[in-house]
PDB file of N, CA and C in Angstrom:
ATOM      1  N   UNK A   1      43.031 123.488  54.393  1.00  0.00           N
ATOM      2  CA  UNK A   1      42.636 124.075  55.661  1.00  0.00           C
ATOM      3  C   UNK A   1      43.792 123.959  56.662  1.00  0.00           C
ATOM      4  N   UNK A   2      44.034 125.028  57.373  1.00  0.00           N
ATOM      5  CA  UNK A   2      45.114 125.049  58.364  1.00  0.00           C
ATOM      6  C   UNK A   2      44.600 124.484  59.686  1.00  0.00           C
ATOM      7  N   UNK A   3      45.334 123.507  60.203  1.00  0.00           N
ATOM      8  CA  UNK A   3      44.975 122.906  61.487  1.00  0.00           C
ATOM      9  C   UNK A   3      45.212 123.904  62.614  1.00  0.00           C
ATOM     10  N   UNK A   4      44.346 123.858  63.601  1.00  0.00           N
ATOM     11  CA  UNK A   4      44.504 124.710  64.779  1.00  0.00           C
ATOM     12  C   UNK A   4      45.639 124.166  65.649  1.00  0.00           C
ATOM     13  N   UNK A   5      46.465 125.065  66.140  1.00  0.00           N
ATOM     14  CA  UNK A   5      47.554 124.681  67.043  1.00  0.00           C
ATOM     15  C   UNK A   5      46.994 124.650  68.458  1.00  0.00           C
ATOM     16  N   UNK A   6      47.106 123.492  69.110  1.00  0.00           N
ATOM     17  CA  UNK A   6      46.561 123.362  70.461  1.00  0.00           C
ATOM     18  C   UNK A   6      47.446 124.105  71.460  1.00  0.00           C
ATOM     19  N   UNK A   7      46.848 124.490  72.547  1.00  0.00           N
ATOM     20  CA  UNK A   7      47.550 125.274  73.560  1.00  0.00           C
ATOM     21  C   UNK A   7      48.113 124.378  74.660  1.00  0.00           C
ATOM     22  N   UNK A   8      48.947 124.970  75.503  1.00  0.00           N
ATOM     23  CA  UNK A   8      49.742 124.213  76.474  1.00  0.00           C
ATOM     24  C   UNK A   8      48.947 123.322  77.422  1.00  0.00           C
ATOM     25  N   UNK A   9      47.708 123.632  77.710  1.00  0.00           N
ATOM     26  CA  UNK A   9      46.937 122.815  78.647  1.00  0.00           C
ATOM     27  C   UNK A   9      46.144 121.703  77.967  1.00  0.00           C
ATOM     28  N   UNK A  10      46.254 121.587  76.653  1.00  0.00           N
ATOM     29  CA  UNK A  10      45.509 120.562  75.927  1.00  0.00           C
ATOM     30  C   UNK A  10      46.029 119.173  76.304  1.00  0.00           C
ATOM     31  N   UNK A  11      45.108 118.239  76.522  1.00  0.00           N
ATOM     32  CA  UNK A  11      45.486 116.895  76.977  1.00  0.00           C
ATOM     33  C   UNK A  11      46.360 116.154  75.974  1.00  0.00           C
ATOM     34  N   UNK A  12      46.235 116.449  74.688  1.00  0.00           N
ATOM     35  CA  UNK A  12      47.038 115.750  73.678  1.00  0.00           C
ATOM     36  C   UNK A  12      48.533 116.002  73.881  1.00  0.00           C
ATOM     37  N   UNK A  13      48.881 117.139  74.435  1.00  0.00           N
ATOM     38  CA  UNK A  13      50.290 117.473  74.656  1.00  0.00           C
ATOM     39  C   UNK A  13      50.907 116.699  75.820  1.00  0.00           C
ATOM     40  N   UNK A  14      50.070 116.026  76.584  1.00  0.00           N
ATOM     41  CA  UNK A  14      50.552 115.272  77.744  1.00  0.00           C
ATOM     42  C   UNK A  14      50.476 113.756  77.527  1.00  0.00           C
ATOM     43  N   UNK A  15      50.197 113.352  76.296  1.00  0.00           N
ATOM     44  CA  UNK A  15      50.098 111.930  75.974  1.00  0.00           C
ATOM     45  C   UNK A  15      51.386 111.444  75.312  1.00  0.00           C
ATOM     46  N   UNK A  16      51.601 110.151  75.387  1.00  0.00           N
ATOM     47  CA  UNK A  16      52.766 109.549  74.737  1.00  0.00           C
ATOM     48  C   UNK A  16      52.596 109.583  73.225  1.00  0.00           C
ATOM     49  N   UNK A  17      53.716 109.724  72.536  1.00  0.00           N
ATOM     50  CA  UNK A  17      53.684 109.754  71.079  1.00  0.00           C
ATOM     51  C   UNK A  17      54.281 108.475  70.506  1.00  0.00           C
ATOM     52  N   UNK A  18      53.979 108.237  69.248  1.00  0.00           N
ATOM     53  CA  UNK A  18      54.490 107.059  68.548  1.00  0.00           C
ATOM     54  C   UNK A  18      55.672 107.484  67.690  1.00  0.00           C
ATOM     55  N   UNK A  19      56.768 106.762  67.822  1.00  0.00           N
ATOM     56  CA  UNK A  19      57.918 107.018  66.957  1.00  0.00           C
ATOM     57  C   UNK A  19      57.598 106.502  65.563  1.00  0.00           C
ATOM     58  N   UNK A  20      58.127 107.197  64.558  1.00  0.00           N
ATOM     59  CA  UNK A  20      57.954 106.710  63.197  1.00  0.00           C
ATOM     60  C   UNK A  20      59.317 106.316  62.640  1.00  0.00           C
ATOM     61  N   UNK A  21      59.303 105.392  61.739  1.00  0.00           N
ATOM     62  CA  UNK A  21      60.535 104.945  61.102  1.00  0.00           C
ATOM     63  C   UNK A  21      60.914 105.908  59.985  1.00  0.00           C
ATOM     64  N   UNK A  22      62.188 106.000  59.689  1.00  0.00           N
ATOM     65  CA  UNK A  22      62.651 106.850  58.595  1.00  0.00           C
ATOM     66  C   UNK A  22      61.938 106.464  57.301  1.00  0.00           C
ATOM     67  N   UNK A  23      61.724 105.188  57.106  1.00  0.00           N
ATOM     68  CA  UNK A  23      61.059 104.714  55.888  1.00  0.00           C
ATOM     69  C   UNK A  23      59.610 105.190  55.777  1.00  0.00           C
ATOM     70  N   UNK A  24      59.009 105.589  56.891  1.00  0.00           N
ATOM     71  CA  UNK A  24      57.625 106.064  56.880  1.00  0.00           C
ATOM     72  C   UNK A  24      57.502 107.522  56.442  1.00  0.00           C
ATOM     73  N   UNK A  25      58.595 108.258  56.460  1.00  0.00           N
ATOM     74  CA  UNK A  25      58.546 109.689  56.166  1.00  0.00           C
ATOM     75  C   UNK A  25      57.992 109.970  54.776  1.00  0.00           C
ATOM     76  N   UNK A  26      58.237 109.088  53.844  1.00  0.00           N
ATOM     77  CA  UNK A  26      57.787 109.319  52.472  1.00  0.00           C
ATOM     78  C   UNK A  26      56.411 108.727  52.168  1.00  0.00           C
ATOM     79  N   UNK A  27      55.740 108.180  53.170  1.00  0.00           N
ATOM     80  CA  UNK A  27      54.403 107.634  52.933  1.00  0.00           C
ATOM     81  C   UNK A  27      53.403 108.776  52.779  1.00  0.00           C
ATOM     82  N   UNK A  28      52.335 108.560  52.020  1.00  0.00           N
ATOM     83  CA  UNK A  28      51.329 109.619  51.837  1.00  0.00           C
ATOM     84  C   UNK A  28      50.774 110.150  53.161  1.00  0.00           C
ATOM     85  N   UNK A  29      50.561 109.263  54.130  1.00  0.00           N
ATOM     86  CA  UNK A  29      50.011 109.688  55.426  1.00  0.00           C
ATOM     87  C   UNK A  29      50.948 110.678  56.124  1.00  0.00           C
ATOM     88  N   UNK A  30      52.223 110.344  56.232  1.00  0.00           N
ATOM     89  CA  UNK A  30      53.178 111.209  56.933  1.00  0.00           C
ATOM     90  C   UNK A  30      53.440 112.479  56.128  1.00  0.00           C
ATOM     91  N   UNK A  31      53.506 112.374  54.811  1.00  0.00           N
ATOM     92  CA  UNK A  31      53.699 113.568  53.985  1.00  0.00           C
ATOM     93  C   UNK A  31      52.547 114.551  54.177  1.00  0.00           C
ATOM     94  N   UNK A  32      51.321 114.028  54.308  1.00  0.00           N
ATOM     95  CA  UNK A  32      50.144 114.878  54.551  1.00  0.00           C
ATOM     96  C   UNK A  32      50.277 115.580  55.902  1.00  0.00           C
ATOM     97  N   UNK A  33      50.674 114.836  56.913  1.00  0.00           N
ATOM     98  CA  UNK A  33      50.835 115.412  58.249  1.00  0.00           C
ATOM     99  C   UNK A  33      51.934 116.473  58.245  1.00  0.00           C
ATOM    100  N   UNK A  34      53.058 116.200  57.586  1.00  0.00           N
ATOM    101  CA  UNK A  34      54.149 117.179  57.506  1.00  0.00           C
ATOM    102  C   UNK A  34      53.690 118.453  56.796  1.00  0.00           C
ATOM    103  N   UNK A  35      52.872 118.303  55.759  1.00  0.00           N
ATOM    104  CA  UNK A  35      52.334 119.467  55.043  1.00  0.00           C
ATOM    105  C   UNK A  35      51.428 120.278  55.970  1.00  0.00           C
ATOM    106  N   UNK A  36      50.564 119.604  56.718  1.00  0.00           N
ATOM    107  CA  UNK A  36      49.680 120.280  57.669  1.00  0.00           C
ATOM    108  C   UNK A  36      50.495 121.006  58.736  1.00  0.00           C
ATOM    109  N   UNK A  37      51.563 120.370  59.196  1.00  0.00           N
ATOM    110  CA  UNK A  37      52.423 120.997  60.201  1.00  0.00           C
ATOM    111  C   UNK A  37      53.089 122.245  59.630  1.00  0.00           C
ATOM    112  N   UNK A  38      53.582 122.156  58.408  1.00  0.00           N
ATOM    113  CA  UNK A  38      54.243 123.299  57.769  1.00  0.00           C
ATOM    114  C   UNK A  38      53.280 124.463  57.595  1.00  0.00           C
ATOM    115  N   UNK A  39      52.057 124.170  57.160  1.00  0.00           N
ATOM    116  CA  UNK A  39      51.059 125.227  56.979  1.00  0.00           C
ATOM    117  C   UNK A  39      50.698 125.880  58.311  1.00  0.00           C
ATOM    118  N   UNK A  40      50.530 125.067  59.349  1.00  0.00           N
ATOM    119  CA  UNK A  40      50.213 125.615  60.673  1.00  0.00           C
ATOM    120  C   UNK A  40      51.356 126.490  61.178  1.00  0.00           C
ATOM    121  N   UNK A  41      52.587 126.043  60.974  1.00  0.00           N
ATOM    122  CA  UNK A  41      53.752 126.812  61.410  1.00  0.00           C
ATOM    123  C   UNK A  41      53.835 128.133  60.657  1.00  0.00           C
ATOM    124  N   UNK A  42      53.635 128.097  59.343  1.00  0.00           N
ATOM    125  CA  UNK A  42      53.695 129.321  58.533  1.00  0.00           C
ATOM    126  C   UNK A  42      52.601 130.310  58.905  1.00  0.00           C
ATOM    127  N   UNK A  43      51.482 129.810  59.450  1.00  0.00           N
ATOM    128  CA  UNK A  43      50.377 130.695  59.829  1.00  0.00           C
ATOM    129  C   UNK A  43      50.706 131.531  61.067  1.00  0.00           C
ATOM    130  N   UNK A  44      51.777 131.169  61.753  1.00  0.00           N
ATOM    131  CA  UNK A  44      52.204 131.876  62.959  1.00  0.00           C
ATOM    132  C   UNK A  44      53.432 132.710  62.627  1.00  0.00           C
ATOM    133  N   UNK A  45      53.304 133.996  62.627  1.00  0.00           N
ATOM    134  CA  UNK A  45      54.409 134.866  62.256  1.00  0.00           C
ATOM    135  C   UNK A  45      55.659 134.682  63.085  1.00  0.00           C
ATOM    136  N   UNK A  46      55.490 134.338  64.346  1.00  0.00           N
ATOM    137  CA  UNK A  46      56.648 134.220  65.231  1.00  0.00           C
ATOM    138  C   UNK A  46      57.063 132.771  65.488  1.00  0.00           C
ATOM    139  N   UNK A  47      56.443 131.825  64.812  1.00  0.00           N
ATOM    140  CA  UNK A  47      56.756 130.420  65.040  1.00  0.00           C
ATOM    141  C   UNK A  47      58.042 129.991  64.359  1.00  0.00           C
ATOM    142  N   UNK A  48      58.828 129.169  65.035  1.00  0.00           N
ATOM    143  CA  UNK A  48      60.067 128.651  64.442  1.00  0.00           C
ATOM    144  C   UNK A  48      60.087 127.128  64.369  1.00  0.00           C
ATOM    145  N   UNK A  49      59.202 126.454  65.082  1.00  0.00           N
ATOM    146  CA  UNK A  49      59.138 124.994  65.034  1.00  0.00           C
ATOM    147  C   UNK A  49      57.772 124.533  65.528  1.00  0.00           C
ATOM    148  N   UNK A  50      57.405 123.335  65.097  1.00  0.00           N
ATOM    149  CA  UNK A  50      56.135 122.756  65.533  1.00  0.00           C
ATOM    150  C   UNK A  50      56.294 121.238  65.607  1.00  0.00           C
ATOM    151  N   UNK A  51      55.661 120.646  66.602  1.00  0.00           N
ATOM    152  CA  UNK A  51      55.661 119.190  66.758  1.00  0.00           C
ATOM    153  C   UNK A  51      54.279 118.660  66.391  1.00  0.00           C
ATOM    154  N   UNK A  52      54.233 117.441  65.905  1.00  0.00           N
ATOM    155  CA  UNK A  52      52.973 116.845  65.463  1.00  0.00           C
ATOM    156  C   UNK A  52      51.860 116.913  66.521  1.00  0.00           C
ATOM    157  N   UNK A  53      52.140 116.668  67.808  1.00  0.00           N
ATOM    158  CA  UNK A  53      51.067 116.753  68.799  1.00  0.00           C
ATOM    159  C   UNK A  53      50.414 118.142  68.884  1.00  0.00           C
ATOM    160  N   UNK A  54      51.126 119.174  68.482  1.00  0.00           N
ATOM    161  CA  UNK A  54      50.564 120.524  68.539  1.00  0.00           C
ATOM    162  C   UNK A  54      49.407 120.719  67.564  1.00  0.00           C
ATOM    163  N   UNK A  55      49.277 119.821  66.590  1.00  0.00           N
ATOM    164  CA  UNK A  55      48.109 119.881  65.710  1.00  0.00           C
ATOM    165  C   UNK A  55      47.285 118.593  65.812  1.00  0.00           C
ATOM    166  N   UNK A  56      47.494 117.867  66.911  1.00  0.00           N
ATOM    167  CA  UNK A  56      46.638 116.741  67.223  1.00  0.00           C
ATOM    168  C   UNK A  56      47.094 115.359  66.802  1.00  0.00           C
ATOM    169  N   UNK A  57      48.317 115.217  66.304  1.00  0.00           N
ATOM    170  CA  UNK A  57      48.831 113.904  65.906  1.00  0.00           C
ATOM    171  C   UNK A  57      49.822 113.404  66.953  1.00  0.00           C
ATOM    172  N   UNK A  58      49.585 112.219  67.475  1.00  0.00           N
ATOM    173  CA  UNK A  58      50.459 111.657  68.506  1.00  0.00           C
ATOM    174  C   UNK A  58      51.641 110.927  67.869  1.00  0.00           C
ATOM    175  N   UNK A  59      52.460 111.695  67.168  1.00  0.00           N
ATOM    176  CA  UNK A  59      53.639 111.174  66.487  1.00  0.00           C
ATOM    177  C   UNK A  59      54.867 111.958  66.917  1.00  0.00           C
ATOM    178  N   UNK A  60      56.010 111.300  66.959  1.00  0.00           N
ATOM    179  CA  UNK A  60      57.267 111.952  67.350  1.00  0.00           C
ATOM    180  C   UNK A  60      57.969 112.532  66.123  1.00  0.00           C
ATOM    181  N   UNK A  61      57.373 113.569  65.563  1.00  0.00           N
ATOM    182  CA  UNK A  61      57.996 114.282  64.443  1.00  0.00           C
ATOM    183  C   UNK A  61      57.817 115.780  64.653  1.00  0.00           C
ATOM    184  N   UNK A  62      58.736 116.559  64.096  1.00  0.00           N
ATOM    185  CA  UNK A  62      58.623 118.005  64.189  1.00  0.00           C
ATOM    186  C   UNK A  62      59.142 118.649  62.911  1.00  0.00           C
ATOM    187  N   UNK A  63      58.745 119.903  62.715  1.00  0.00           N
ATOM    188  CA  UNK A  63      59.172 120.691  61.559  1.00  0.00           C
ATOM    189  C   UNK A  63      59.799 121.966  62.095  1.00  0.00           C
ATOM    190  N   UNK A  64      60.938 122.348  61.532  1.00  0.00           N
ATOM    191  CA  UNK A  64      61.633 123.579  61.922  1.00  0.00           C
ATOM    192  C   UNK A  64      61.602 124.536  60.740  1.00  0.00           C
ATOM    193  N   UNK A  65      61.268 125.784  61.014  1.00  0.00           N
ATOM    194  CA  UNK A  65      61.234 126.806  59.970  1.00  0.00           C
ATOM    195  C   UNK A  65      62.644 127.141  59.504  1.00  0.00           C
ATOM    196  N   UNK A  66      62.800 127.342  58.230  1.00  0.00           N
ATOM    197  CA  UNK A  66      64.094 127.737  57.683  1.00  0.00           C
ATOM    198  C   UNK A  66      64.503 129.136  58.082  1.00  0.00           C
ATOM    199  N   UNK A  67      63.543 129.929  58.604  1.00  0.00           N
ATOM    200  CA  UNK A  67      63.888 131.313  58.951  1.00  0.00           C
ATOM    201  C   UNK A  67      64.889 131.405  60.098  1.00  0.00           C
ATOM    202  N   UNK A  68      65.048 130.356  60.883  1.00  0.00           N
ATOM    203  CA  UNK A  68      66.036 130.430  61.965  1.00  0.00           C
ATOM    204  C   UNK A  68      67.461 130.427  61.433  1.00  0.00           C
ATOM    205  N   UNK A  69      67.617 130.048  60.172  1.00  0.00           N
ATOM    206  CA  UNK A  69      68.944 130.035  59.568  1.00  0.00           C
ATOM    207  C   UNK A  69      69.253 131.320  58.809  1.00  0.00           C
ATOM    208  N   UNK A  70      68.269 132.210  58.725  1.00  0.00           N
ATOM    209  CA  UNK A  70      68.467 133.471  58.010  1.00  0.00           C
ATOM    210  C   UNK A  70      69.343 134.402  58.839  1.00  0.00           C
ATOM    211  N   UNK A  71      70.212 135.142  58.189  1.00  0.00           N
ATOM    212  CA  UNK A  71      71.163 136.008  58.895  1.00  0.00           C
ATOM    213  C   UNK A  71      70.484 137.087  59.730  1.00  0.00           C
ATOM    214  N   UNK A  72      69.253 137.456  59.392  1.00  0.00           N
ATOM    215  CA  UNK A  72      68.564 138.509  60.133  1.00  0.00           C
ATOM    216  C   UNK A  72      67.692 137.985  61.274  1.00  0.00           C
ATOM    217  N   UNK A  73      67.700 136.666  61.492  1.00  0.00           N
ATOM    218  CA  UNK A  73      66.915 136.106  62.582  1.00  0.00           C
ATOM    219  C   UNK A  73      67.504 136.587  63.897  1.00  0.00           C
ATOM    220  N   UNK A  74      66.672 137.157  64.749  1.00  0.00           N
ATOM    221  CA  UNK A  74      67.143 137.751  66.005  1.00  0.00           C
ATOM    222  C   UNK A  74      67.200 136.676  67.083  1.00  0.00           C
ATOM    223  N   UNK A  75      68.342 136.588  67.711  1.00  0.00           N
ATOM    224  CA  UNK A  75      68.531 135.643  68.812  1.00  0.00           C
ATOM    225  C   UNK A  75      69.000 136.417  70.030  1.00  0.00           C
ATOM    226  N   UNK A  76      68.527 135.983  71.173  1.00  0.00           N
ATOM    227  CA  UNK A  76      68.980 136.592  72.411  1.00  0.00           C
ATOM    228  C   UNK A  76      70.318 136.017  72.825  1.00  0.00           C
ATOM    229  N   UNK A  77      71.004 136.719  73.697  1.00  0.00           N
ATOM    230  CA  UNK A  77      72.309 136.239  74.163  1.00  0.00           C
ATOM    231  C   UNK A  77      72.205 134.881  74.837  1.00  0.00           C
ATOM    232  N   UNK A  78      71.060 134.604  75.453  1.00  0.00           N
ATOM    233  CA  UNK A  78      70.896 133.316  76.134  1.00  0.00           C
ATOM    234  C   UNK A  78      70.947 132.144  75.159  1.00  0.00           C
ATOM    235  N   UNK A  79      70.737 132.414  73.862  1.00  0.00           N
ATOM    236  CA  UNK A  79      70.770 131.356  72.864  1.00  0.00           C
ATOM    237  C   UNK A  79      72.186 130.974  72.459  1.00  0.00           C
ATOM    238  N   UNK A  80      73.157 131.787  72.852  1.00  0.00           N
ATOM    239  CA  UNK A  80      74.536 131.515  72.482  1.00  0.00           C
ATOM    240  C   UNK A  80      75.325 131.084  73.707  1.00  0.00           C
ATOM    241  N   UNK A  81      76.058 130.033  73.575  1.00  0.00           N
ATOM    242  CA  UNK A  81      76.887 129.563  74.679  1.00  0.00           C
ATOM    243  C   UNK A  81      78.340 129.601  74.233  1.00  0.00           C
ATOM    244  N   UNK A  82      79.194 130.051  75.121  1.00  0.00           N
ATOM    245  CA  UNK A  82      80.620 130.080  74.804  1.00  0.00           C
ATOM    246  C   UNK A  82      81.188 128.678  74.911  1.00  0.00           C
ATOM    247  N   UNK A  83      81.990 128.332  73.949  1.00  0.00           N
ATOM    248  CA  UNK A  83      82.658 127.039  73.975  1.00  0.00           C
ATOM    249  C   UNK A  83      83.981 127.216  74.696  1.00  0.00           C
ATOM    250  N   UNK A  84      84.230 126.424  75.762  1.00  0.00           N
ATOM    251  CA  UNK A  84      85.469 126.603  76.535  1.00  0.00           C
ATOM    252  C   UNK A  84      86.704 126.273  75.720  1.00  0.00           C
TER     253      UNK A  84
END
């Protein structure tokens, strides 16, 4: 089942999150959450990233879609900064 992505006014988005250790990333609990995040992100055609609080978990983790690295991904000029 795909978790619902909460909207900007949801109280969970305004709460403090818990940092996780690198060693926790491979635990069954975190792997389950990462899978739920990936499924929720894929359910949104225009989504490029999602943070755990967006699906109700108060954890400091996020998932980025690989599509932002595809050559056909459209970026606006504001996304590019000139290096002096």
